[in-house]
Structure formats: C-alpha cells, structure tokens
C-alpha cells in the first residue's frame, strides 16, 4: 500500500489534468518531499498505462 511508504497531503494539490491529480507528500522513512500522481483509472486509456508507470 502506497500509504505505508508516503504521507499524502490531500489538501496540497500541486496540479491536475485530464486523468488525475498530483498531491504533495513526504517519504515516511526519509522525510523527503515527493509529488504523488493519483490517476482516475476510469478515465485512463489502457495503452498509456505502461508509459505512465515509467514516470
């Protein structure tokens, strides 16, 4: 589960687009700031899934 590795700040929206929202957060073990993209899979084309995994 991603929430075990990262603390996601749902009130800290860094950006949004057609397929999802990017939130700010921190890595729980290092404390480093991170950006976490949350994708709405119901709006996401399957052919782009592999490409997005590389982001």
PDB file of N, CA and C in Angstrom:
ATOM      1  N   UNK A   1       0.841  -1.187   0.000  1.00  0.00           N
ATOM      2  CA  UNK A   1       0.000   0.000   0.000  1.00  0.00           C
ATOM      3  C   UNK A   1       0.883   1.246   0.000  1.00  0.00           C
ATOM      4  N   UNK A   2       0.576   2.173  -0.861  1.00  0.00           N
ATOM      5  CA  UNK A   2       1.390   3.381  -1.020  1.00  0.00           C
ATOM      6  C   UNK A   2       1.421   4.232   0.250  1.00  0.00           C
ATOM      7  N   UNK A   3       0.365   4.168   1.038  1.00  0.00           N
ATOM      8  CA  UNK A   3       0.315   4.993   2.253  1.00  0.00           C
ATOM      9  C   UNK A   3       1.295   4.514   3.321  1.00  0.00           C
ATOM     10  N   UNK A   4       1.831   3.308   3.180  1.00  0.00           N
ATOM     11  CA  UNK A   4       2.863   2.838   4.107  1.00  0.00           C
ATOM     12  C   UNK A   4       4.202   3.509   3.824  1.00  0.00           C
ATOM     13  N   UNK A   5       4.450   3.865   2.575  1.00  0.00           N
ATOM     14  CA  UNK A   5       5.713   4.498   2.192  1.00  0.00           C
ATOM     15  C   UNK A   5       5.654   6.019   2.189  1.00  0.00           C
ATOM     16  N   UNK A   6       4.478   6.559   1.882  1.00  0.00           N
ATOM     17  CA  UNK A   6       4.357   8.003   1.709  1.00  0.00           C
ATOM     18  C   UNK A   6       3.206   8.564   2.526  1.00  0.00           C
ATOM     19  N   UNK A   7       3.408   9.764   3.037  1.00  0.00           N
ATOM     20  CA  UNK A   7       2.311  10.512   3.641  1.00  0.00           C
ATOM     21  C   UNK A   7       1.826  11.473   2.563  1.00  0.00           C
ATOM     22  N   UNK A   8       0.574  11.348   2.176  1.00  0.00           N
ATOM     23  CA  UNK A   8      -0.001  12.175   1.116  1.00  0.00           C
ATOM     24  C   UNK A   8      -0.808  13.295   1.748  1.00  0.00           C
ATOM     25  N   UNK A   9      -0.536  14.530   1.321  1.00  0.00           N
ATOM     26  CA  UNK A   9      -1.258  15.694   1.834  1.00  0.00           C
ATOM     27  C   UNK A   9      -2.398  16.015   0.871  1.00  0.00           C
ATOM     28  N   UNK A  10      -3.584  15.517   1.172  1.00  0.00           N
ATOM     29  CA  UNK A  10      -4.719  15.674   0.262  1.00  0.00           C
ATOM     30  C   UNK A  10      -5.147  17.128   0.087  1.00  0.00           C
ATOM     31  N   UNK A  11      -4.724  17.993   0.999  1.00  0.00           N
ATOM     32  CA  UNK A  11      -5.065  19.412   0.860  1.00  0.00           C
ATOM     33  C   UNK A  11      -3.979  20.189   0.114  1.00  0.00           C
ATOM     34  N   UNK A  12      -2.924  19.501  -0.334  1.00  0.00           N
ATOM     35  CA  UNK A  12      -1.821  20.143  -1.053  1.00  0.00           C
ATOM     36  C   UNK A  12      -1.815  19.680  -2.512  1.00  0.00           C
ATOM     37  N   UNK A  13      -2.690  20.259  -3.313  1.00  0.00           N
ATOM     38  CA  UNK A  13      -2.798  19.909  -4.727  1.00  0.00           C
ATOM     39  C   UNK A  13      -1.742  20.693  -5.502  1.00  0.00           C
ATOM     40  N   UNK A  14      -0.840  19.959  -6.158  1.00  0.00           N
ATOM     41  CA  UNK A  14       0.223  20.591  -6.936  1.00  0.00           C
ATOM     42  C   UNK A  14      -0.181  20.807  -8.385  1.00  0.00           C
ATOM     43  N   UNK A  15      -1.142  20.024  -8.838  1.00  0.00           N
ATOM     44  CA  UNK A  15      -1.604  20.147 -10.211  1.00  0.00           C
ATOM     45  C   UNK A  15      -2.691  19.129 -10.495  1.00  0.00           C
ATOM     46  N   UNK A  16      -3.340  19.301 -11.632  1.00  0.00           N
ATOM     47  CA  UNK A  16      -4.369  18.346 -12.036  1.00  0.00           C
ATOM     48  C   UNK A  16      -4.461  18.348 -13.548  1.00  0.00           C
ATOM     49  N   UNK A  17      -5.015  17.272 -14.063  1.00  0.00           N
ATOM     50  CA  UNK A  17      -5.151  17.141 -15.504  1.00  0.00           C
ATOM     51  C   UNK A  17      -6.323  16.257 -15.846  1.00  0.00           C
ATOM     52  N   UNK A  18      -6.326  15.807 -17.076  1.00  0.00           N
ATOM     53  CA  UNK A  18      -7.444  15.019 -17.590  1.00  0.00           C
ATOM     54  C   UNK A  18      -7.598  13.688 -16.861  1.00  0.00           C
ATOM     55  N   UNK A  19      -6.487  13.089 -16.416  1.00  0.00           N
ATOM     56  CA  UNK A  19      -6.548  11.746 -15.847  1.00  0.00           C
ATOM     57  C   UNK A  19      -6.355  11.678 -14.352  1.00  0.00           C
ATOM     58  N   UNK A  20      -6.029  12.790 -13.701  1.00  0.00           N
ATOM     59  CA  UNK A  20      -5.832  12.699 -12.266  1.00  0.00           C
ATOM     60  C   UNK A  20      -5.331  13.976 -11.628  1.00  0.00           C
ATOM     61  N   UNK A  21      -4.852  13.821 -10.387  1.00  0.00           N
ATOM     62  CA  UNK A  21      -4.415  14.944  -9.562  1.00  0.00           C
ATOM     63  C   UNK A  21      -3.040  14.615  -8.985  1.00  0.00           C
ATOM     64  N   UNK A  22      -2.182  15.642  -8.855  1.00  0.00           N
ATOM     65  CA  UNK A  22      -0.867  15.477  -8.238  1.00  0.00           C
ATOM     66  C   UNK A  22      -0.889  16.163  -6.879  1.00  0.00           C
ATOM     67  N   UNK A  23      -0.535  15.380  -5.853  1.00  0.00           N
ATOM     68  CA  UNK A  23      -0.515  15.879  -4.484  1.00  0.00           C
ATOM     69  C   UNK A  23       0.913  15.947  -3.966  1.00  0.00           C
ATOM     70  N   UNK A  24       1.137  16.836  -3.022  1.00  0.00           N
ATOM     71  CA  UNK A  24       2.401  16.866  -2.314  1.00  0.00           C
ATOM     72  C   UNK A  24       2.375  15.833  -1.206  1.00  0.00           C
ATOM     73  N   UNK A  25       3.557  15.433  -0.789  1.00  0.00           N
ATOM     74  CA  UNK A  25       3.646  14.465   0.291  1.00  0.00           C
ATOM     75  C   UNK A  25       5.077  14.329   0.765  1.00  0.00           C
ATOM     76  N   UNK A  26       5.316  13.369   1.641  1.00  0.00           N
ATOM     77  CA  UNK A  26       6.671  13.083   2.112  1.00  0.00           C
ATOM     78  C   UNK A  26       6.885  11.573   2.154  1.00  0.00           C
ATOM     79  N   UNK A  27       8.136  11.187   1.945  1.00  0.00           N
ATOM     80  CA  UNK A  27       8.531   9.788   2.098  1.00  0.00           C
ATOM     81  C   UNK A  27       8.641   9.538   3.592  1.00  0.00           C
ATOM     82  N   UNK A  28       7.944   8.560   4.102  1.00  0.00           N
ATOM     83  CA  UNK A  28       7.868   8.340   5.552  1.00  0.00           C
ATOM     84  C   UNK A  28       9.219   7.999   6.179  1.00  0.00           C
ATOM     85  N   UNK A  29      10.100   7.306   5.475  1.00  0.00           N
ATOM     86  CA  UNK A  29      11.374   6.886   6.061  1.00  0.00           C
ATOM     87  C   UNK A  29      12.456   7.956   5.970  1.00  0.00           C
ATOM     88  N   UNK A  30      12.441   8.743   4.899  1.00  0.00           N
ATOM     89  CA  UNK A  30      13.498   9.739   4.707  1.00  0.00           C
ATOM     90  C   UNK A  30      13.053  11.159   5.023  1.00  0.00           C
ATOM     91  N   UNK A  31      11.741  11.401   4.995  1.00  0.00           N
ATOM     92  CA  UNK A  31      11.236  12.748   5.213  1.00  0.00           C
ATOM     93  C   UNK A  31      11.347  13.644   3.993  1.00  0.00           C
ATOM     94  N   UNK A  32      11.820  13.094   2.884  1.00  0.00           N
ATOM     95  CA  UNK A  32      11.982  13.899   1.667  1.00  0.00           C
ATOM     96  C   UNK A  32      10.625  14.227   1.050  1.00  0.00           C
ATOM     97  N   UNK A  33      10.490  15.442   0.518  1.00  0.00           N
ATOM     98  CA  UNK A  33       9.238  15.811  -0.145  1.00  0.00           C
ATOM     99  C   UNK A  33       9.086  15.047  -1.464  1.00  0.00           C
ATOM    100  N   UNK A  34       7.864  14.703  -1.794  1.00  0.00           N
ATOM    101  CA  UNK A  34       7.561  13.984  -3.034  1.00  0.00           C
ATOM    102  C   UNK A  34       6.296  14.552  -3.666  1.00  0.00           C
ATOM    103  N   UNK A  35       6.130  14.269  -4.942  1.00  0.00           N
ATOM    104  CA  UNK A  35       4.888  14.561  -5.655  1.00  0.00           C
ATOM    105  C   UNK A  35       4.273  13.216  -6.017  1.00  0.00           C
ATOM    106  N   UNK A  36       3.003  13.049  -5.730  1.00  0.00           N
ATOM    107  CA  UNK A  36       2.326  11.773  -5.943  1.00  0.00           C
ATOM    108  C   UNK A  36       1.155  11.981  -6.894  1.00  0.00           C
ATOM    109  N   UNK A  37       1.219  11.287  -8.027  1.00  0.00           N
ATOM    110  CA  UNK A  37       0.153  11.388  -9.020  1.00  0.00           C
ATOM    111  C   UNK A  37      -0.900  10.320  -8.735  1.00  0.00           C
ATOM    112  N   UNK A  38      -2.136  10.752  -8.554  1.00  0.00           N
ATOM    113  CA  UNK A  38      -3.257   9.839  -8.333  1.00  0.00           C
ATOM    114  C   UNK A  38      -4.091   9.846  -9.608  1.00  0.00           C
ATOM    115  N   UNK A  39      -4.163   8.684 -10.247  1.00  0.00           N
ATOM    116  CA  UNK A  39      -4.818   8.573 -11.551  1.00  0.00           C
ATOM    117  C   UNK A  39      -6.215   7.977 -11.404  1.00  0.00           C
ATOM    118  N   UNK A  40      -7.169   8.594 -12.075  1.00  0.00           N
ATOM    119  CA  UNK A  40      -8.530   8.065 -12.152  1.00  0.00           C
ATOM    120  C   UNK A  40      -8.542   7.021 -13.267  1.00  0.00           C
ATOM    121  N   UNK A  41      -8.466   5.751 -12.897  1.00  0.00           N
ATOM    122  CA  UNK A  41      -8.344   4.679 -13.888  1.00  0.00           C
ATOM    123  C   UNK A  41      -9.570   4.552 -14.788  1.00  0.00           C
ATOM    124  N   UNK A  42     -10.697   5.087 -14.374  1.00  0.00           N
ATOM    125  CA  UNK A  42     -11.885   5.011 -15.225  1.00  0.00           C
ATOM    126  C   UNK A  42     -11.768   5.947 -16.423  1.00  0.00           C
ATOM    127  N   UNK A  43     -10.869   6.929 -16.354  1.00  0.00           N
ATOM    128  CA  UNK A  43     -10.692   7.882 -17.451  1.00  0.00           C
ATOM    129  C   UNK A  43      -9.372   7.676 -18.175  1.00  0.00           C
ATOM    130  N   UNK A  44      -8.621   6.655 -17.789  1.00  0.00           N
ATOM    131  CA  UNK A  44      -7.263   6.459 -18.280  1.00  0.00           C
ATOM    132  C   UNK A  44      -7.212   5.413 -19.393  1.00  0.00           C
ATOM    133  N   UNK A  45      -6.696   5.787 -20.570  1.00  0.00           N
ATOM    134  CA  UNK A  45      -6.579   4.814 -21.665  1.00  0.00           C
ATOM    135  C   UNK A  45      -5.559   3.723 -21.319  1.00  0.00           C
ATOM    136  N   UNK A  46      -5.924   2.480 -21.545  1.00  0.00           N
ATOM    137  CA  UNK A  46      -5.065   1.348 -21.207  1.00  0.00           C
ATOM    138  C   UNK A  46      -3.716   1.433 -21.920  1.00  0.00           C
ATOM    139  N   UNK A  47      -3.668   1.901 -23.158  1.00  0.00           N
ATOM    140  CA  UNK A  47      -2.423   1.937 -23.915  1.00  0.00           C
ATOM    141  C   UNK A  47      -1.385   2.866 -23.290  1.00  0.00           C
ATOM    142  N   UNK A  48      -1.794   3.801 -22.460  1.00  0.00           N
ATOM    143  CA  UNK A  48      -0.858   4.717 -21.822  1.00  0.00           C
ATOM    144  C   UNK A  48      -0.399   4.222 -20.457  1.00  0.00           C
ATOM    145  N   UNK A  49      -0.934   3.107 -19.996  1.00  0.00           N
ATOM    146  CA  UNK A  49      -0.618   2.618 -18.656  1.00  0.00           C
ATOM    147  C   UNK A  49       0.868   2.315 -18.493  1.00  0.00           C
ATOM    148  N   UNK A  50       1.479   1.611 -19.427  1.00  0.00           N
ATOM    149  CA  UNK A  50       2.901   1.275 -19.328  1.00  0.00           C
ATOM    150  C   UNK A  50       3.768   2.527 -19.371  1.00  0.00           C
ATOM    151  N   UNK A  51       3.416   3.474 -20.211  1.00  0.00           N
ATOM    152  CA  UNK A  51       4.179   4.712 -20.320  1.00  0.00           C
ATOM    153  C   UNK A  51       4.140   5.484 -19.009  1.00  0.00           C
ATOM    154  N   UNK A  52       3.007   5.516 -18.368  1.00  0.00           N
ATOM    155  CA  UNK A  52       2.846   6.253 -17.122  1.00  0.00           C
ATOM    156  C   UNK A  52       3.595   5.589 -15.980  1.00  0.00           C
ATOM    157  N   UNK A  53       3.698   4.282 -15.972  1.00  0.00           N
ATOM    158  CA  UNK A  53       4.439   3.587 -14.922  1.00  0.00           C
ATOM    159  C   UNK A  53       5.890   4.038 -14.887  1.00  0.00           C
ATOM    160  N   UNK A  54       6.417   4.484 -16.021  1.00  0.00           N
ATOM    161  CA  UNK A  54       7.806   4.937 -16.089  1.00  0.00           C
ATOM    162  C   UNK A  54       7.998   6.348 -15.556  1.00  0.00           C
ATOM    163  N   UNK A  55       6.928   7.084 -15.339  1.00  0.00           N
ATOM    164  CA  UNK A  55       7.033   8.434 -14.787  1.00  0.00           C
ATOM    165  C   UNK A  55       7.425   8.306 -13.374  1.00  0.00           C
TER     166      UNK A  55
END
